[in-house]
Amino acid sequence: MELTFTAPLWRWDARQDDSWWFVTVPPDESDLLADVPLPPRGFGSIRVRVRVGSTTWQTSVFPSQDQNGYVLPMKKAVRQAEGLEPGAAVEVTLSPLDA
């Protein structure tokens, strides 16, 4: 399964330093991820391969009740490599790794 979506880059309010930035996986795509039969992982996370622009990496998405879906952490190296600013619309392609 490969999902592609565009969503804004946002900072986690609970951490005011510059390190915790996310993109929320939209509800329809979050529902598809939730339906994939996967082994249980910590915090309900799902291991994924992600592509943003020309940058590809592996990470996990995490369920968030506040965001009504999964959230994708956007590490600083990716934000810098792709020139992403707060609030930027980020086009994301992701695939679960353990499906």
N, C-alpha and C. Protein backbone atom coordinates (compact mmCIF):
# COMPACT_ATOMS: atom_id res chain seq x y z
N MET A 1 0.84 -1.17 0.00
CA MET A 1 0.00 0.00 0.00
C MET A 1 0.89 1.23 0.00
N GLU A 2 0.55 2.18 -0.85
CA GLU A 2 1.26 3.45 -0.88
C GLU A 2 0.22 4.57 -0.82
N LEU A 3 0.38 5.47 0.12
CA LEU A 3 -0.55 6.59 0.31
C LEU A 3 0.16 7.89 -0.01
N THR A 4 -0.51 8.77 -0.74
CA THR A 4 0.03 10.09 -1.04
C THR A 4 -1.00 11.13 -0.62
N PHE A 5 -0.53 12.16 0.07
CA PHE A 5 -1.42 13.22 0.56
C PHE A 5 -0.61 14.49 0.76
N THR A 6 -1.30 15.59 0.91
CA THR A 6 -0.67 16.88 1.21
C THR A 6 -1.30 17.41 2.48
N ALA A 7 -0.47 17.84 3.42
CA ALA A 7 -0.95 18.36 4.71
C ALA A 7 0.06 19.37 5.24
N PRO A 8 -0.39 20.29 6.11
CA PRO A 8 0.52 21.32 6.63
C PRO A 8 1.49 20.79 7.69
N LEU A 9 2.66 21.41 7.72
CA LEU A 9 3.68 21.14 8.73
C LEU A 9 3.34 21.94 9.98
N TRP A 10 3.32 21.29 11.14
CA TRP A 10 2.99 21.98 12.40
C TRP A 10 3.91 21.53 13.53
N ARG A 11 4.06 22.41 14.52
CA ARG A 11 4.91 22.12 15.68
C ARG A 11 4.04 21.65 16.83
N TRP A 12 4.53 20.65 17.55
CA TRP A 12 3.85 20.13 18.73
C TRP A 12 3.93 21.17 19.82
N ASP A 13 2.79 21.65 20.30
CA ASP A 13 2.73 22.72 21.30
C ASP A 13 3.33 22.33 22.65
N ALA A 14 3.32 21.04 22.96
CA ALA A 14 3.84 20.61 24.26
C ALA A 14 5.36 20.76 24.35
N ARG A 15 6.01 20.87 23.20
CA ARG A 15 7.47 21.04 23.16
C ARG A 15 7.77 22.31 22.39
N GLN A 16 8.31 23.31 23.05
CA GLN A 16 8.53 24.59 22.41
C GLN A 16 9.91 24.72 21.75
N ASP A 17 10.74 23.66 21.86
CA ASP A 17 12.01 23.74 21.14
C ASP A 17 11.76 23.49 19.65
N ASP A 18 12.78 23.45 18.88
CA ASP A 18 12.63 23.36 17.43
C ASP A 18 12.59 21.93 16.91
N SER A 19 12.54 20.93 17.79
CA SER A 19 12.75 19.58 17.30
C SER A 19 11.51 18.76 17.01
N TRP A 20 10.33 19.14 17.46
CA TRP A 20 9.15 18.29 17.32
C TRP A 20 8.15 18.88 16.33
N TRP A 21 8.30 18.51 15.06
CA TRP A 21 7.42 18.96 13.98
C TRP A 21 6.76 17.75 13.35
N PHE A 22 5.52 17.94 12.90
CA PHE A 22 4.71 16.83 12.39
C PHE A 22 3.89 17.25 11.18
N VAL A 23 3.42 16.24 10.46
CA VAL A 23 2.39 16.37 9.45
C VAL A 23 1.31 15.37 9.85
N THR A 24 0.05 15.79 9.83
CA THR A 24 -1.04 14.89 10.18
C THR A 24 -1.50 14.13 8.95
N VAL A 25 -1.55 12.80 9.06
CA VAL A 25 -2.09 11.97 7.99
C VAL A 25 -3.60 12.22 7.98
N PRO A 26 -4.19 12.61 6.83
CA PRO A 26 -5.63 12.91 6.78
C PRO A 26 -6.48 11.72 7.21
N PRO A 27 -7.73 11.99 7.61
CA PRO A 27 -8.60 10.94 8.15
C PRO A 27 -8.78 9.72 7.24
N ASP A 28 -9.02 9.90 5.96
CA ASP A 28 -9.22 8.73 5.08
C ASP A 28 -7.97 7.86 5.02
N GLU A 29 -6.81 8.48 4.89
CA GLU A 29 -5.57 7.72 4.85
C GLU A 29 -5.25 7.10 6.20
N SER A 30 -5.57 7.81 7.29
CA SER A 30 -5.38 7.25 8.64
C SER A 30 -6.24 6.02 8.83
N ASP A 31 -7.48 6.06 8.33
CA ASP A 31 -8.36 4.90 8.42
C ASP A 31 -7.78 3.70 7.67
N LEU A 32 -7.22 3.95 6.48
CA LEU A 32 -6.59 2.86 5.72
C LEU A 32 -5.42 2.26 6.49
N LEU A 33 -4.59 3.12 7.09
CA LEU A 33 -3.47 2.62 7.90
C LEU A 33 -3.96 1.80 9.08
N ALA A 34 -5.01 2.26 9.75
CA ALA A 34 -5.53 1.57 10.93
C ALA A 34 -6.07 0.19 10.58
N ASP A 35 -6.50 0.00 9.33
CA ASP A 35 -7.06 -1.28 8.90
C ASP A 35 -6.02 -2.30 8.44
N VAL A 36 -4.77 -1.88 8.30
CA VAL A 36 -3.72 -2.80 7.85
C VAL A 36 -3.38 -3.75 9.00
N PRO A 37 -3.44 -5.07 8.75
CA PRO A 37 -3.08 -6.01 9.82
C PRO A 37 -1.57 -6.00 10.05
N LEU A 38 -1.18 -5.50 11.20
CA LEU A 38 0.23 -5.36 11.54
C LEU A 38 0.49 -5.90 12.94
N PRO A 39 1.72 -6.32 13.21
CA PRO A 39 2.04 -6.73 14.57
C PRO A 39 1.93 -5.53 15.51
N PRO A 40 1.53 -5.77 16.77
CA PRO A 40 1.43 -4.65 17.72
C PRO A 40 2.78 -4.01 17.97
N ARG A 41 2.78 -2.66 18.07
CA ARG A 41 4.00 -1.90 18.33
C ARG A 41 3.70 -0.87 19.40
N GLY A 42 4.74 -0.36 20.02
CA GLY A 42 4.60 0.62 21.08
C GLY A 42 3.80 1.84 20.66
N PHE A 43 2.92 2.29 21.52
CA PHE A 43 2.09 3.48 21.33
C PHE A 43 1.15 3.36 20.13
N GLY A 44 0.96 2.15 19.58
CA GLY A 44 0.10 1.97 18.41
C GLY A 44 0.75 2.47 17.14
N SER A 45 2.08 2.60 17.15
CA SER A 45 2.79 3.14 15.98
C SER A 45 2.82 2.14 14.83
N ILE A 46 3.04 2.67 13.64
CA ILE A 46 3.17 1.87 12.43
C ILE A 46 4.47 2.29 11.74
N ARG A 47 5.35 1.33 11.49
CA ARG A 47 6.60 1.63 10.78
C ARG A 47 6.29 1.92 9.31
N VAL A 48 6.88 2.99 8.78
CA VAL A 48 6.60 3.40 7.40
C VAL A 48 7.88 3.83 6.69
N ARG A 49 7.83 3.76 5.37
CA ARG A 49 8.84 4.38 4.50
C ARG A 49 8.17 5.63 3.96
N VAL A 50 8.89 6.74 4.00
CA VAL A 50 8.32 8.05 3.66
C VAL A 50 9.16 8.71 2.57
N ARG A 51 8.47 9.42 1.66
CA ARG A 51 9.16 10.26 0.69
C ARG A 51 8.51 11.64 0.72
N VAL A 52 9.34 12.64 0.89
CA VAL A 52 8.94 14.05 0.80
C VAL A 52 9.94 14.69 -0.16
N GLY A 53 9.46 15.17 -1.28
CA GLY A 53 10.38 15.71 -2.29
C GLY A 53 11.35 14.64 -2.73
N SER A 54 12.64 14.92 -2.64
CA SER A 54 13.65 13.93 -3.04
C SER A 54 14.23 13.18 -1.84
N THR A 55 13.66 13.39 -0.65
CA THR A 55 14.15 12.75 0.57
C THR A 55 13.29 11.55 0.93
N THR A 56 13.94 10.41 1.17
CA THR A 56 13.25 9.18 1.58
C THR A 56 13.88 8.70 2.88
N TRP A 57 13.04 8.26 3.81
CA TRP A 57 13.55 7.74 5.08
C TRP A 57 12.52 6.80 5.70
N GLN A 58 12.94 6.10 6.75
CA GLN A 58 12.04 5.22 7.49
C GLN A 58 11.82 5.80 8.87
N THR A 59 10.57 5.72 9.33
CA THR A 59 10.19 6.22 10.65
C THR A 59 8.92 5.49 11.05
N SER A 60 8.19 6.03 11.98
CA SER A 60 6.89 5.50 12.37
C SER A 60 5.89 6.63 12.41
N VAL A 61 4.62 6.30 12.14
CA VAL A 61 3.53 7.23 12.38
C VAL A 61 2.85 6.80 13.67
N PHE A 62 2.28 7.77 14.38
CA PHE A 62 1.71 7.52 15.70
C PHE A 62 0.26 7.98 15.73
N PRO A 63 -0.63 7.20 16.36
CA PRO A 63 -2.02 7.66 16.46
C PRO A 63 -2.12 8.87 17.39
N SER A 64 -3.00 9.80 17.02
CA SER A 64 -3.20 11.01 17.83
C SER A 64 -4.69 11.31 17.90
N GLN A 65 -5.24 11.26 19.11
CA GLN A 65 -6.64 11.63 19.28
C GLN A 65 -6.83 13.12 19.01
N ASP A 66 -5.87 13.94 19.41
CA ASP A 66 -5.97 15.39 19.19
C ASP A 66 -6.04 15.72 17.71
N GLN A 67 -5.31 14.97 16.88
CA GLN A 67 -5.26 15.25 15.44
C GLN A 67 -6.24 14.38 14.65
N ASN A 68 -6.96 13.49 15.34
CA ASN A 68 -7.96 12.64 14.69
C ASN A 68 -7.36 11.79 13.57
N GLY A 69 -6.20 11.20 13.84
CA GLY A 69 -5.53 10.34 12.86
C GLY A 69 -4.10 10.11 13.29
N TYR A 70 -3.31 9.64 12.36
CA TYR A 70 -1.89 9.41 12.64
C TYR A 70 -1.11 10.69 12.39
N VAL A 71 0.02 10.82 13.09
CA VAL A 71 0.91 11.95 12.86
C VAL A 71 2.28 11.41 12.44
N LEU A 72 2.89 12.13 11.51
CA LEU A 72 4.19 11.76 10.95
C LEU A 72 5.22 12.75 11.45
N PRO A 73 6.22 12.29 12.24
CA PRO A 73 7.28 13.20 12.67
C PRO A 73 8.14 13.62 11.47
N MET A 74 8.45 14.90 11.42
CA MET A 74 9.27 15.44 10.33
C MET A 74 10.59 15.92 10.92
N LYS A 75 11.64 15.10 10.81
CA LYS A 75 12.90 15.45 11.43
C LYS A 75 13.54 16.66 10.75
N LYS A 76 14.37 17.33 11.52
CA LYS A 76 14.99 18.57 11.08
C LYS A 76 15.77 18.42 9.78
N ALA A 77 16.48 17.31 9.63
CA ALA A 77 17.27 17.10 8.41
C ALA A 77 16.38 17.10 7.17
N VAL A 78 15.20 16.51 7.28
CA VAL A 78 14.26 16.49 6.15
C VAL A 78 13.71 17.88 5.90
N ARG A 79 13.30 18.56 6.97
CA ARG A 79 12.75 19.92 6.81
C ARG A 79 13.77 20.83 6.14
N GLN A 80 15.03 20.73 6.55
CA GLN A 80 16.07 21.57 5.96
C GLN A 80 16.35 21.17 4.51
N ALA A 81 16.48 19.87 4.25
CA ALA A 81 16.79 19.41 2.90
C ALA A 81 15.71 19.81 1.90
N GLU A 82 14.46 19.84 2.36
CA GLU A 82 13.34 20.14 1.46
C GLU A 82 12.88 21.59 1.58
N GLY A 83 13.53 22.38 2.42
CA GLY A 83 13.19 23.80 2.55
C GLY A 83 11.79 24.03 3.10
N LEU A 84 11.37 23.19 4.05
CA LEU A 84 10.02 23.28 4.61
C LEU A 84 9.96 24.27 5.76
N GLU A 85 9.00 25.17 5.70
CA GLU A 85 8.76 26.18 6.73
C GLU A 85 7.49 25.83 7.49
N PRO A 86 7.31 26.36 8.72
CA PRO A 86 6.09 26.11 9.48
C PRO A 86 4.85 26.47 8.65
N GLY A 87 3.87 25.57 8.68
CA GLY A 87 2.63 25.79 7.95
C GLY A 87 2.69 25.41 6.49
N ALA A 88 3.86 25.04 5.99
CA ALA A 88 4.01 24.68 4.58
C ALA A 88 3.15 23.46 4.26
N ALA A 89 2.59 23.45 3.06
CA ALA A 89 1.88 22.26 2.56
C ALA A 89 2.93 21.25 2.14
N VAL A 90 2.92 20.07 2.75
CA VAL A 90 3.91 19.05 2.50
C VAL A 90 3.26 17.89 1.76
N GLU A 91 3.80 17.56 0.58
CA GLU A 91 3.32 16.39 -0.15
C GLU A 91 4.11 15.19 0.34
N VAL A 92 3.38 14.18 0.84
CA VAL A 92 3.96 13.01 1.49
C VAL A 92 3.50 11.76 0.77
N THR A 93 4.43 10.85 0.56
CA THR A 93 4.09 9.49 0.11
C THR A 93 4.63 8.56 1.17
N LEU A 94 3.76 7.68 1.69
CA LEU A 94 4.23 6.73 2.71
C LEU A 94 3.66 5.35 2.48
N SER A 95 4.41 4.35 2.94
CA SER A 95 4.01 2.94 2.81
C SER A 95 4.34 2.24 4.11
N PRO A 96 3.39 1.44 4.64
CA PRO A 96 3.70 0.64 5.83
C PRO A 96 4.79 -0.39 5.49
N LEU A 97 5.70 -0.61 6.43
CA LEU A 97 6.81 -1.53 6.19
C LEU A 97 6.50 -2.97 6.58
N ASP A 98 5.64 -3.19 7.53
CA ASP A 98 5.42 -4.55 8.07
C ASP A 98 4.17 -5.20 7.51
N ALA A 99 3.55 -4.59 6.51
CA ALA A 99 2.29 -5.15 5.96
C ALA A 99 2.57 -6.34 5.08
